[in-house]
Structure formats: C-alpha cells, structure tokens
Amino acid sequence: MTYVVTDNCIGCKYTDCVDVCPVDCFYEGENMLVIHPEECIDCGVCEPECPADAIRPDTEADMEKWVEFNGKYAALWPVIYEAKDPLPEAESLDGTPGKLASIFSEKPSAA
C-alpha cells in the first residue's frame, strides 16, 4: 500500500503533511504536492494532517490513476522538506471540482 495526493490539493498546496512525513517522500509542483509511491512507507501519518483531505490510500477505488500521476510528477518535481504557507487561494479552492482539468500546472515549484 501507498498513499497518494489527489486533485483536491491543486490550488491549495497545504504542506502540513510534509512536516510529519518521516521519509521526505513529498514533491512540490507549482500548485500541488505529490507523494513518490515507491518512497512512501505507508505509515499514514500524513493523511489526517491534510486540511483539504487530498491524501488517500491507494487501496480506495479508482486510485490507480493517482498512483501513476504521483509517480510521474515525483520524478519531475523537487522534494519538499519542510512546511510552507498554503497558496493564497487555498481556502476558496478547497473542494472545488474539476481542478485537474482547469488549473493544474505541470511546472515544478519555483522555490
């Protein structure tokens, strides 16, 4: 089992999860985070820390696409080691449907 970040992180990018991760398996894009599926040790401490409820176990239905998505972008984006402030529009975008098609950025984090 592994944990993955889903589309609710897009536009929010809360990083509470990064502070509790014992193996530094989070990677940072311009407007979301992903978890490297092969580095995740399945401890689950990150899941309850996400204010946007964007972290899910891969055992849930339809998570295969998110495992692939997280693996793809973890290979392209830089690792993030410590928490940062969420994006300015995080509260207003939390829970908004369709963010993958409308506002997702493939760009790595600028910082």
PDB file of N, CA and C in Angstrom:
ATOM      1  N   MET A   1       0.838  -1.185   0.000  1.00  0.00           N
ATOM      2  CA  MET A   1       0.000   0.000   0.000  1.00  0.00           C
ATOM      3  C   MET A   1       0.881   1.246   0.000  1.00  0.00           C
ATOM      4  N   THR A   2       0.353   2.295  -0.566  1.00  0.00           N
ATOM      5  CA  THR A   2       0.996   3.597  -0.541  1.00  0.00           C
ATOM      6  C   THR A   2      -0.085   4.660  -0.399  1.00  0.00           C
ATOM      7  N   TYR A   3       0.311   5.851  -0.099  1.00  0.00           N
ATOM      8  CA  TYR A   3      -0.616   6.977  -0.063  1.00  0.00           C
ATOM      9  C   TYR A   3      -0.317   7.857  -1.258  1.00  0.00           C
ATOM     10  N   VAL A   4      -1.340   8.542  -1.746  1.00  0.00           N
ATOM     11  CA  VAL A   4      -1.185   9.418  -2.896  1.00  0.00           C
ATOM     12  C   VAL A   4      -1.926  10.725  -2.651  1.00  0.00           C
ATOM     13  N   VAL A   5      -1.506  11.751  -3.340  1.00  0.00           N
ATOM     14  CA  VAL A   5      -2.174  13.043  -3.289  1.00  0.00           C
ATOM     15  C   VAL A   5      -3.128  13.099  -4.480  1.00  0.00           C
ATOM     16  N   THR A   6      -4.344  13.552  -4.225  1.00  0.00           N
ATOM     17  CA  THR A   6      -5.349  13.648  -5.277  1.00  0.00           C
ATOM     18  C   THR A   6      -5.593  15.102  -5.659  1.00  0.00           C
ATOM     19  N   ASP A   7      -6.535  15.309  -6.563  1.00  0.00           N
ATOM     20  CA  ASP A   7      -6.754  16.629  -7.148  1.00  0.00           C
ATOM     21  C   ASP A   7      -7.232  17.708  -6.185  1.00  0.00           C
ATOM     22  N   ASN A   8      -7.688  17.364  -5.003  1.00  0.00           N
ATOM     23  CA  ASN A   8      -8.115  18.430  -4.101  1.00  0.00           C
ATOM     24  C   ASN A   8      -6.937  19.262  -3.598  1.00  0.00           C
ATOM     25  N   CYS A   9      -5.727  18.771  -3.750  1.00  0.00           N
ATOM     26  CA  CYS A   9      -4.539  19.550  -3.371  1.00  0.00           C
ATOM     27  C   CYS A   9      -4.286  20.697  -4.355  1.00  0.00           C
ATOM     28  N   ILE A  10      -4.731  20.533  -5.576  1.00  0.00           N
ATOM     29  CA  ILE A  10      -4.467  21.532  -6.616  1.00  0.00           C
ATOM     30  C   ILE A  10      -5.040  22.891  -6.209  1.00  0.00           C
ATOM     31  N   GLY A  11      -4.191  23.893  -6.251  1.00  0.00           N
ATOM     32  CA  GLY A  11      -4.601  25.248  -5.920  1.00  0.00           C
ATOM     33  C   GLY A  11      -4.574  25.541  -4.429  1.00  0.00           C
ATOM     34  N   CYS A  12      -4.411  24.525  -3.610  1.00  0.00           N
ATOM     35  CA  CYS A  12      -4.351  24.704  -2.153  1.00  0.00           C
ATOM     36  C   CYS A  12      -2.916  24.572  -1.665  1.00  0.00           C
ATOM     37  N   LYS A  13      -2.333  23.409  -1.926  1.00  0.00           N
ATOM     38  CA  LYS A  13      -0.952  23.082  -1.560  1.00  0.00           C
ATOM     39  C   LYS A  13      -0.661  23.323  -0.082  1.00  0.00           C
ATOM     40  N   TYR A  14      -1.535  22.765   0.756  1.00  0.00           N
ATOM     41  CA  TYR A  14      -1.242  22.753   2.192  1.00  0.00           C
ATOM     42  C   TYR A  14      -0.044  21.826   2.389  1.00  0.00           C
ATOM     43  N   THR A  15       0.840  22.170   3.294  1.00  0.00           N
ATOM     44  CA  THR A  15       2.049  21.365   3.480  1.00  0.00           C
ATOM     45  C   THR A  15       2.183  20.809   4.897  1.00  0.00           C
ATOM     46  N   ASP A  16       1.089  20.750   5.623  1.00  0.00           N
ATOM     47  CA  ASP A  16       1.100  20.168   6.969  1.00  0.00           C
ATOM     48  C   ASP A  16       1.639  18.741   6.919  1.00  0.00           C
ATOM     49  N   CYS A  17       1.331  18.035   5.836  1.00  0.00           N
ATOM     50  CA  CYS A  17       1.742  16.648   5.632  1.00  0.00           C
ATOM     51  C   CYS A  17       3.264  16.502   5.566  1.00  0.00           C
ATOM     52  N   VAL A  18       3.915  17.492   5.023  1.00  0.00           N
ATOM     53  CA  VAL A  18       5.370  17.442   4.840  1.00  0.00           C
ATOM     54  C   VAL A  18       6.088  17.381   6.190  1.00  0.00           C
ATOM     55  N   ASP A  19       5.597  18.135   7.154  1.00  0.00           N
ATOM     56  CA  ASP A  19       6.234  18.172   8.476  1.00  0.00           C
ATOM     57  C   ASP A  19       6.183  16.843   9.213  1.00  0.00           C
ATOM     58  N   VAL A  20       5.165  16.022   8.953  1.00  0.00           N
ATOM     59  CA  VAL A  20       5.041  14.765   9.690  1.00  0.00           C
ATOM     60  C   VAL A  20       5.626  13.566   8.945  1.00  0.00           C
ATOM     61  N   CYS A  21       5.973  13.722   7.695  1.00  0.00           N
ATOM     62  CA  CYS A  21       6.483  12.611   6.884  1.00  0.00           C
ATOM     63  C   CYS A  21       7.892  12.214   7.358  1.00  0.00           C
ATOM     64  N   PRO A  22       8.063  10.962   7.784  1.00  0.00           N
ATOM     65  CA  PRO A  22       9.380  10.545   8.280  1.00  0.00           C
ATOM     66  C   PRO A  22      10.395  10.226   7.184  1.00  0.00           C
ATOM     67  N   VAL A  23       9.976  10.167   5.920  1.00  0.00           N
ATOM     68  CA  VAL A  23      10.899   9.776   4.854  1.00  0.00           C
ATOM     69  C   VAL A  23      11.044  10.809   3.739  1.00  0.00           C
ATOM     70  N   ASP A  24      10.461  11.982   3.882  1.00  0.00           N
ATOM     71  CA  ASP A  24      10.588  13.036   2.868  1.00  0.00           C
ATOM     72  C   ASP A  24      10.210  12.546   1.469  1.00  0.00           C
ATOM     73  N   CYS A  25       9.010  12.012   1.339  1.00  0.00           N
ATOM     74  CA  CYS A  25       8.588  11.487   0.032  1.00  0.00           C
ATOM     75  C   CYS A  25       7.610  12.407  -0.682  1.00  0.00           C
ATOM     76  N   PHE A  26       7.484  13.666  -0.231  1.00  0.00           N
ATOM     77  CA  PHE A  26       6.619  14.640  -0.904  1.00  0.00           C
ATOM     78  C   PHE A  26       7.440  15.462  -1.896  1.00  0.00           C
ATOM     79  N   TYR A  27       6.824  15.729  -3.030  1.00  0.00           N
ATOM     80  CA  TYR A  27       7.461  16.512  -4.091  1.00  0.00           C
ATOM     81  C   TYR A  27       6.536  17.660  -4.442  1.00  0.00           C
ATOM     82  N   GLU A  28       7.139  18.811  -4.797  1.00  0.00           N
ATOM     83  CA  GLU A  28       6.375  20.040  -4.914  1.00  0.00           C
ATOM     84  C   GLU A  28       6.298  20.577  -6.333  1.00  0.00           C
ATOM     85  N   GLY A  29       5.068  20.708  -6.790  1.00  0.00           N
ATOM     86  CA  GLY A  29       4.801  21.368  -8.054  1.00  0.00           C
ATOM     87  C   GLY A  29       4.392  22.805  -7.795  1.00  0.00           C
ATOM     88  N   GLU A  30       4.130  23.516  -8.871  1.00  0.00           N
ATOM     89  CA  GLU A  30       3.753  24.922  -8.764  1.00  0.00           C
ATOM     90  C   GLU A  30       2.487  25.120  -7.920  1.00  0.00           C
ATOM     91  N   ASN A  31       1.500  24.222  -8.087  1.00  0.00           N
ATOM     92  CA  ASN A  31       0.263  24.430  -7.335  1.00  0.00           C
ATOM     93  C   ASN A  31      -0.286  23.176  -6.647  1.00  0.00           C
ATOM     94  N   MET A  32       0.575  22.173  -6.412  1.00  0.00           N
ATOM     95  CA  MET A  32       0.166  21.000  -5.636  1.00  0.00           C
ATOM     96  C   MET A  32       1.386  20.198  -5.208  1.00  0.00           C
ATOM     97  N   LEU A  33       1.159  19.219  -4.354  1.00  0.00           N
ATOM     98  CA  LEU A  33       2.185  18.273  -3.935  1.00  0.00           C
ATOM     99  C   LEU A  33       1.835  16.892  -4.467  1.00  0.00           C
ATOM    100  N   VAL A  34       2.821  16.020  -4.536  1.00  0.00           N
ATOM    101  CA  VAL A  34       2.592  14.604  -4.814  1.00  0.00           C
ATOM    102  C   VAL A  34       3.473  13.787  -3.871  1.00  0.00           C
ATOM    103  N   ILE A  35       3.131  12.512  -3.730  1.00  0.00           N
ATOM    104  CA  ILE A  35       3.905  11.574  -2.933  1.00  0.00           C
ATOM    105  C   ILE A  35       4.569  10.588  -3.881  1.00  0.00           C
ATOM    106  N   HIS A  36       5.856  10.347  -3.700  1.00  0.00           N
ATOM    107  CA  HIS A  36       6.528   9.344  -4.521  1.00  0.00           C
ATOM    108  C   HIS A  36       6.065   7.968  -4.035  1.00  0.00           C
ATOM    109  N   PRO A  37       5.312   7.229  -4.865  1.00  0.00           N
ATOM    110  CA  PRO A  37       4.752   5.956  -4.420  1.00  0.00           C
ATOM    111  C   PRO A  37       5.788   4.917  -3.993  1.00  0.00           C
ATOM    112  N   GLU A  38       6.967   4.959  -4.558  1.00  0.00           N
ATOM    113  CA  GLU A  38       7.993   3.982  -4.205  1.00  0.00           C
ATOM    114  C   GLU A  38       8.779   4.376  -2.961  1.00  0.00           C
ATOM    115  N   GLU A  39       8.675   5.630  -2.535  1.00  0.00           N
ATOM    116  CA  GLU A  39       9.373   6.091  -1.340  1.00  0.00           C
ATOM    117  C   GLU A  39       8.472   6.083  -0.107  1.00  0.00           C
ATOM    118  N   CYS A  40       7.179   6.137  -0.321  1.00  0.00           N
ATOM    119  CA  CYS A  40       6.211   6.145   0.784  1.00  0.00           C
ATOM    120  C   CYS A  40       6.319   4.831   1.551  1.00  0.00           C
ATOM    121  N   ILE A  41       6.388   4.922   2.884  1.00  0.00           N
ATOM    122  CA  ILE A  41       6.496   3.714   3.708  1.00  0.00           C
ATOM    123  C   ILE A  41       5.146   3.293   4.291  1.00  0.00           C
ATOM    124  N   ASP A  42       4.092   3.885   3.791  1.00  0.00           N
ATOM    125  CA  ASP A  42       2.727   3.502   4.164  1.00  0.00           C
ATOM    126  C   ASP A  42       2.416   3.706   5.641  1.00  0.00           C
ATOM    127  N   CYS A  43       3.038   4.678   6.265  1.00  0.00           N
ATOM    128  CA  CYS A  43       2.792   4.894   7.692  1.00  0.00           C
ATOM    129  C   CYS A  43       1.460   5.585   7.939  1.00  0.00           C
ATOM    130  N   GLY A  44       1.011   6.384   6.973  1.00  0.00           N
ATOM    131  CA  GLY A  44      -0.294   7.023   7.073  1.00  0.00           C
ATOM    132  C   GLY A  44      -0.373   8.266   7.928  1.00  0.00           C
ATOM    133  N   VAL A  45       0.743   8.736   8.473  1.00  0.00           N
ATOM    134  CA  VAL A  45       0.678   9.912   9.343  1.00  0.00           C
ATOM    135  C   VAL A  45       0.310  11.189   8.591  1.00  0.00           C
ATOM    136  N   CYS A  46       0.519  11.213   7.300  1.00  0.00           N
ATOM    137  CA  CYS A  46       0.226  12.402   6.506  1.00  0.00           C
ATOM    138  C   CYS A  46      -1.271  12.591   6.256  1.00  0.00           C
ATOM    139  N   GLU A  47      -1.986  11.496   6.110  1.00  0.00           N
ATOM    140  CA  GLU A  47      -3.403  11.575   5.707  1.00  0.00           C
ATOM    141  C   GLU A  47      -4.250  12.462   6.623  1.00  0.00           C
ATOM    142  N   PRO A  48      -4.221  12.271   7.946  1.00  0.00           N
ATOM    143  CA  PRO A  48      -5.063  13.119   8.798  1.00  0.00           C
ATOM    144  C   PRO A  48      -4.576  14.563   8.912  1.00  0.00           C
ATOM    145  N   GLU A  49      -3.355  14.828   8.497  1.00  0.00           N
ATOM    146  CA  GLU A  49      -2.802  16.180   8.593  1.00  0.00           C
ATOM    147  C   GLU A  49      -3.254  17.095   7.462  1.00  0.00           C
ATOM    148  N   CYS A  50      -3.804  16.543   6.391  1.00  0.00           N
ATOM    149  CA  CYS A  50      -4.171  17.338   5.219  1.00  0.00           C
ATOM    150  C   CYS A  50      -5.519  18.039   5.430  1.00  0.00           C
ATOM    151  N   PRO A  51      -5.517  19.365   5.531  1.00  0.00           N
ATOM    152  CA  PRO A  51      -6.771  20.094   5.727  1.00  0.00           C
ATOM    153  C   PRO A  51      -7.739  19.955   4.549  1.00  0.00           C
ATOM    154  N   ALA A  52      -7.218  19.644   3.371  1.00  0.00           N
ATOM    155  CA  ALA A  52      -8.054  19.529   2.171  1.00  0.00           C
ATOM    156  C   ALA A  52      -8.520  18.099   1.918  1.00  0.00           C
ATOM    157  N   ASP A  53      -8.139  17.162   2.773  1.00  0.00           N
ATOM    158  CA  ASP A  53      -8.497  15.754   2.594  1.00  0.00           C
ATOM    159  C   ASP A  53      -8.089  15.264   1.201  1.00  0.00           C
ATOM    160  N   ALA A  54      -6.880  15.644   0.787  1.00  0.00           N
ATOM    161  CA  ALA A  54      -6.392  15.300  -0.550  1.00  0.00           C
ATOM    162  C   ALA A  54      -5.503  14.067  -0.566  1.00  0.00           C
ATOM    163  N   ILE A  55      -5.144  13.531   0.589  1.00  0.00           N
ATOM    164  CA  ILE A  55      -4.270  12.362   0.658  1.00  0.00           C
ATOM    165  C   ILE A  55      -5.120  11.129   0.929  1.00  0.00           C
ATOM    166  N   ARG A  56      -4.965  10.135   0.065  1.00  0.00           N
ATOM    167  CA  ARG A  56      -5.788   8.928   0.147  1.00  0.00           C
ATOM    168  C   ARG A  56      -4.905   7.687   0.035  1.00  0.00           C
ATOM    169  N   PRO A  57      -5.302   6.577   0.655  1.00  0.00           N
ATOM    170  CA  PRO A  57      -4.569   5.324   0.454  1.00  0.00           C
ATOM    171  C   PRO A  57      -4.883   4.752  -0.926  1.00  0.00           C
ATOM    172  N   ASP A  58      -3.922   4.079  -1.508  1.00  0.00           N
ATOM    173  CA  ASP A  58      -4.136   3.530  -2.856  1.00  0.00           C
ATOM    174  C   ASP A  58      -5.098   2.351  -2.872  1.00  0.00           C
ATOM    175  N   THR A  59      -5.549   1.917  -1.706  1.00  0.00           N
ATOM    176  CA  THR A  59      -6.496   0.805  -1.631  1.00  0.00           C
ATOM    177  C   THR A  59      -7.936   1.247  -1.891  1.00  0.00           C
ATOM    178  N   GLU A  60      -8.181   2.543  -1.936  1.00  0.00           N
ATOM    179  CA  GLU A  60      -9.521   3.037  -2.250  1.00  0.00           C
ATOM    180  C   GLU A  60      -9.802   2.862  -3.745  1.00  0.00           C
ATOM    181  N   ALA A  61     -11.053   2.889  -4.107  1.00  0.00           N
ATOM    182  CA  ALA A  61     -11.457   2.717  -5.507  1.00  0.00           C
ATOM    183  C   ALA A  61     -10.888   3.825  -6.388  1.00  0.00           C
ATOM    184  N   ASP A  62     -10.512   3.456  -7.593  1.00  0.00           N
ATOM    185  CA  ASP A  62     -10.041   4.387  -8.627  1.00  0.00           C
ATOM    186  C   ASP A  62      -8.767   5.148  -8.264  1.00  0.00           C
ATOM    187  N   MET A  63      -7.925   4.569  -7.444  1.00  0.00           N
ATOM    188  CA  MET A  63      -6.687   5.239  -7.066  1.00  0.00           C
ATOM    189  C   MET A  63      -5.517   4.906  -7.989  1.00  0.00           C
ATOM    190  N   GLU A  64      -5.663   3.923  -8.862  1.00  0.00           N
ATOM    191  CA  GLU A  64      -4.565   3.553  -9.766  1.00  0.00           C
ATOM    192  C   GLU A  64      -4.077   4.742 -10.563  1.00  0.00           C
ATOM    193  N   LYS A  65      -5.008   5.573 -11.057  1.00  0.00           N
ATOM    194  CA  LYS A  65      -4.614   6.746 -11.853  1.00  0.00           C
ATOM    195  C   LYS A  65      -3.821   7.740 -11.009  1.00  0.00           C
ATOM    196  N   TRP A  66      -4.133   7.817  -9.702  1.00  0.00           N
ATOM    197  CA  TRP A  66      -3.412   8.747  -8.838  1.00  0.00           C
ATOM    198  C   TRP A  66      -2.042   8.220  -8.450  1.00  0.00           C
ATOM    199  N   VAL A  67      -1.898   6.911  -8.350  1.00  0.00           N
ATOM    200  CA  VAL A  67      -0.579   6.322  -8.110  1.00  0.00           C
ATOM    201  C   VAL A  67       0.331   6.658  -9.299  1.00  0.00           C
ATOM    202  N   GLU A  68      -0.175   6.478 -10.506  1.00  0.00           N
ATOM    203  CA  GLU A  68       0.592   6.792 -11.711  1.00  0.00           C
ATOM    204  C   GLU A  68       0.899   8.290 -11.787  1.00  0.00           C
ATOM    205  N   PHE A  69      -0.091   9.116 -11.515  1.00  0.00           N
ATOM    206  CA  PHE A  69       0.058  10.572 -11.538  1.00  0.00           C
ATOM    207  C   PHE A  69       1.136  11.012 -10.534  1.00  0.00           C
ATOM    208  N   ASN A  70       1.053  10.523  -9.288  1.00  0.00           N
ATOM    209  CA  ASN A  70       2.028  10.887  -8.266  1.00  0.00           C
ATOM    210  C   ASN A  70       3.430  10.441  -8.656  1.00  0.00           C
ATOM    211  N   GLY A  71       3.564   9.231  -9.184  1.00  0.00           N
ATOM    212  CA  GLY A  71       4.863   8.731  -9.614  1.00  0.00           C
ATOM    213  C   GLY A  71       5.465   9.568 -10.723  1.00  0.00           C
ATOM    214  N   LYS A  72       4.629   9.949 -11.679  1.00  0.00           N
ATOM    215  CA  LYS A  72       5.104  10.756 -12.809  1.00  0.00           C
ATOM    216  C   LYS A  72       5.669  12.097 -12.340  1.00  0.00           C
ATOM    217  N   TYR A  73       4.903  12.808 -11.514  1.00  0.00           N
ATOM    218  CA  TYR A  73       5.346  14.145 -11.115  1.00  0.00           C
ATOM    219  C   TYR A  73       6.403  14.125 -10.011  1.00  0.00           C
ATOM    220  N   ALA A  74       6.446  13.084  -9.202  1.00  0.00           N
ATOM    221  CA  ALA A  74       7.521  12.968  -8.214  1.00  0.00           C
ATOM    222  C   ALA A  74       8.872  12.850  -8.914  1.00  0.00           C
ATOM    223  N   ALA A  75       8.878  12.256 -10.100  1.00  0.00           N
ATOM    224  CA  ALA A  75      10.121  12.119 -10.864  1.00  0.00           C
ATOM    225  C   ALA A  75      10.540  13.445 -11.509  1.00  0.00           C
ATOM    226  N   LEU A  76       9.619  14.396 -11.607  1.00  0.00           N
ATOM    227  CA  LEU A  76       9.899  15.660 -12.291  1.00  0.00           C
ATOM    228  C   LEU A  76      10.065  16.864 -11.360  1.00  0.00           C
ATOM    229  N   TRP A  77       9.476  16.785 -10.191  1.00  0.00           N
ATOM    230  CA  TRP A  77       9.453  17.924  -9.272  1.00  0.00           C
ATOM    231  C   TRP A  77      10.459  17.748  -8.136  1.00  0.00           C
ATOM    232  N   PRO A  78      10.857  18.863  -7.498  1.00  0.00           N
ATOM    233  CA  PRO A  78      11.810  18.768  -6.374  1.00  0.00           C
ATOM    234  C   PRO A  78      11.149  18.272  -5.098  1.00  0.00           C
ATOM    235  N   VAL A  79      11.930  17.600  -4.278  1.00  0.00           N
ATOM    236  CA  VAL A  79      11.444  17.147  -2.978  1.00  0.00           C
ATOM    237  C   VAL A  79      11.224  18.367  -2.088  1.00  0.00           C
ATOM    238  N   ILE A  80      10.243  18.291  -1.224  1.00  0.00           N
ATOM    239  CA  ILE A  80       9.991  19.367  -0.259  1.00  0.00           C
ATOM    240  C   ILE A  80      10.240  18.795   1.132  1.00  0.00           C
ATOM    241  N   TYR A  81      11.032  19.502   1.926  1.00  0.00           N
ATOM    242  CA  TYR A  81      11.464  19.002   3.226  1.00  0.00           C
ATOM    243  C   TYR A  81      10.755  19.633   4.419  1.00  0.00           C
ATOM    244  N   GLU A  82      10.180  20.809   4.228  1.00  0.00           N
ATOM    245  CA  GLU A  82       9.535  21.481   5.355  1.00  0.00           C
ATOM    246  C   GLU A  82       8.283  22.214   4.903  1.00  0.00           C
ATOM    247  N   ALA A  83       7.391  22.427   5.854  1.00  0.00           N
ATOM    248  CA  ALA A  83       6.112  23.070   5.564  1.00  0.00           C
ATOM    249  C   ALA A  83       6.306  24.520   5.124  1.00  0.00           C
ATOM    250  N   LYS A  84       5.395  24.958   4.285  1.00  0.00           N
ATOM    251  CA  LYS A  84       5.349  26.335   3.806  1.00  0.00           C
ATOM    252  C   LYS A  84       3.904  26.808   3.951  1.00  0.00           C
ATOM    253  N   ASP A  85       3.679  28.083   3.733  1.00  0.00           N
ATOM    254  CA  ASP A  85       2.313  28.592   3.741  1.00  0.00           C
ATOM    255  C   ASP A  85       1.546  28.022   2.549  1.00  0.00           C
ATOM    256  N   PRO A  86       0.253  27.784   2.712  1.00  0.00           N
ATOM    257  CA  PRO A  86      -0.547  27.318   1.575  1.00  0.00           C
ATOM    258  C   PRO A  86      -0.657  28.429   0.533  1.00  0.00           C
ATOM    259  N   LEU A  87      -1.145  28.072  -0.632  1.00  0.00           N
ATOM    260  CA  LEU A  87      -1.345  29.072  -1.674  1.00  0.00           C
ATOM    261  C   LEU A  87      -2.408  30.072  -1.222  1.00  0.00           C
ATOM    262  N   PRO A  88      -2.339  31.323  -1.685  1.00  0.00           N
ATOM    263  CA  PRO A  88      -3.281  32.358  -1.232  1.00  0.00           C
ATOM    264  C   PRO A  88      -4.755  32.004  -1.448  1.00  0.00           C
ATOM    265  N   GLU A  89      -5.052  31.259  -2.494  1.00  0.00           N
ATOM    266  CA  GLU A  89      -6.441  30.933  -2.815  1.00  0.00           C
ATOM    267  C   GLU A  89      -6.877  29.579  -2.231  1.00  0.00           C
ATOM    268  N   ALA A  90      -6.092  29.016  -1.326  1.00  0.00           N
ATOM    269  CA  ALA A  90      -6.346  27.677  -0.794  1.00  0.00           C
ATOM    270  C   ALA A  90      -7.750  27.512  -0.216  1.00  0.00           C
ATOM    271  N   GLU A  91      -8.159  28.410   0.644  1.00  0.00           N
ATOM    272  CA  GLU A  91      -9.484  28.265   1.272  1.00  0.00           C
ATOM    273  C   GLU A  91     -10.605  28.300   0.258  1.00  0.00           C
ATOM    274  N   SER A  92     -10.528  29.204  -0.695  1.00  0.00           N
ATOM    275  CA  SER A  92     -11.621  29.327  -1.666  1.00  0.00           C
ATOM    276  C   SER A  92     -11.643  28.180  -2.669  1.00  0.00           C
ATOM    277  N   LEU A  93     -10.491  27.543  -2.925  1.00  0.00           N
ATOM    278  CA  LEU A  93     -10.438  26.444  -3.894  1.00  0.00           C
ATOM    279  C   LEU A  93     -10.620  25.069  -3.276  1.00  0.00           C
ATOM    280  N   ASP A  94     -10.532  24.972  -1.957  1.00  0.00           N
ATOM    281  CA  ASP A  94     -10.674  23.688  -1.283  1.00  0.00           C
ATOM    282  C   ASP A  94     -12.035  23.071  -1.605  1.00  0.00           C
ATOM    283  N   GLY A  95     -12.013  21.884  -2.184  1.00  0.00           N
ATOM    284  CA  GLY A  95     -13.246  21.177  -2.518  1.00  0.00           C
ATOM    285  C   GLY A  95     -13.831  21.498  -3.883  1.00  0.00           C
ATOM    286  N   THR A  96     -13.224  22.414  -4.612  1.00  0.00           N
ATOM    287  CA  THR A  96     -13.717  22.764  -5.943  1.00  0.00           C
ATOM    288  C   THR A  96     -13.509  21.594  -6.895  1.00  0.00           C
ATOM    289  N   PRO A  97     -14.553  21.152  -7.576  1.00  0.00           N
ATOM    290  CA  PRO A  97     -14.390  20.037  -8.524  1.00  0.00           C
ATOM    291  C   PRO A  97     -13.719  20.488  -9.826  1.00  0.00           C
ATOM    292  N   GLY A  98     -13.115  19.540 -10.528  1.00  0.00           N
ATOM    293  CA  GLY A  98     -12.561  19.801 -11.854  1.00  0.00           C
ATOM    294  C   GLY A  98     -11.251  20.551 -11.899  1.00  0.00           C
ATOM    295  N   LYS A  99     -10.537  20.614 -10.782  1.00  0.00           N
ATOM    296  CA  LYS A  99      -9.289  21.394 -10.760  1.00  0.00           C
ATOM    297  C   LYS A  99      -8.191  20.781 -11.620  1.00  0.00           C
ATOM    298  N   LEU A 100      -8.204  19.470 -11.798  1.00  0.00           N
ATOM    299  CA  LEU A 100      -7.171  18.839 -12.618  1.00  0.00           C
ATOM    300  C   LEU A 100      -7.251  19.355 -14.051  1.00  0.00           C
ATOM    301  N   ALA A 101      -8.428  19.463 -14.583  1.00  0.00           N
ATOM    302  CA  ALA A 101      -8.619  19.928 -15.965  1.00  0.00           C
ATOM    303  C   ALA A 101      -8.514  21.444 -16.089  1.00  0.00           C
ATOM    304  N   SER A 102      -8.848  22.161 -15.019  1.00  0.00           N
ATOM    305  CA  SER A 102      -8.934  23.615 -15.156  1.00  0.00           C
ATOM    306  C   SER A 102      -7.725  24.407 -14.670  1.00  0.00           C
ATOM    307  N   ILE A 103      -7.078  23.987 -13.580  1.00  0.00           N
ATOM    308  CA  ILE A 103      -5.992  24.835 -13.054  1.00  0.00           C
ATOM    309  C   ILE A 103      -4.701  24.100 -12.727  1.00  0.00           C
ATOM    310  N   PHE A 104      -4.631  22.797 -12.934  1.00  0.00           N
ATOM    311  CA  PHE A 104      -3.404  22.055 -12.636  1.00  0.00           C
ATOM    312  C   PHE A 104      -2.240  22.566 -13.465  1.00  0.00           C
ATOM    313  N   SER A 105      -1.083  22.719 -12.822  1.00  0.00           N
ATOM    314  CA  SER A 105       0.148  23.116 -13.505  1.00  0.00           C
ATOM    315  C   SER A 105       1.164  21.992 -13.421  1.00  0.00           C
ATOM    316  N   GLU A 106       1.744  21.633 -14.543  1.00  0.00           N
ATOM    317  CA  GLU A 106       2.809  20.610 -14.576  1.00  0.00           C
ATOM    318  C   GLU A 106       4.150  21.161 -14.142  1.00  0.00           C
ATOM    319  N   LYS A 107       4.248  22.470 -13.971  1.00  0.00           N
ATOM    320  CA  LYS A 107       5.519  23.095 -13.621  1.00  0.00           C
ATOM    321  C   LYS A 107       5.948  22.725 -12.210  1.00  0.00           C
ATOM    322  N   PRO A 108       7.254  22.569 -12.014  1.00  0.00           N
ATOM    323  CA  PRO A 108       7.766  22.347 -10.651  1.00  0.00           C
ATOM    324  C   PRO A 108       7.648  23.617  -9.825  1.00  0.00           C
ATOM    325  N   SER A 109       7.784  23.484  -8.547  1.00  0.00           N
ATOM    326  CA  SER A 109       7.776  24.649  -7.666  1.00  0.00           C
ATOM    327  C   SER A 109       8.921  25.586  -8.033  1.00  0.00           C
ATOM    328  N   ALA A 110       8.667  26.865  -7.928  1.00  0.00           N
ATOM    329  CA  ALA A 110       9.697  27.855  -8.230  1.00  0.00           C
ATOM    330  C   ALA A 110      10.653  28.035  -7.064  1.00  0.00           C
ATOM    331  N   ALA A 111      10.235  27.632  -5.870  1.00  0.00           N
ATOM    332  CA  ALA A 111      11.081  27.845  -4.683  1.00  0.00           C
ATOM    333  C   ALA A 111      11.885  26.608  -4.344  1.00  0.00           C
TER     334      ALA A 111
END
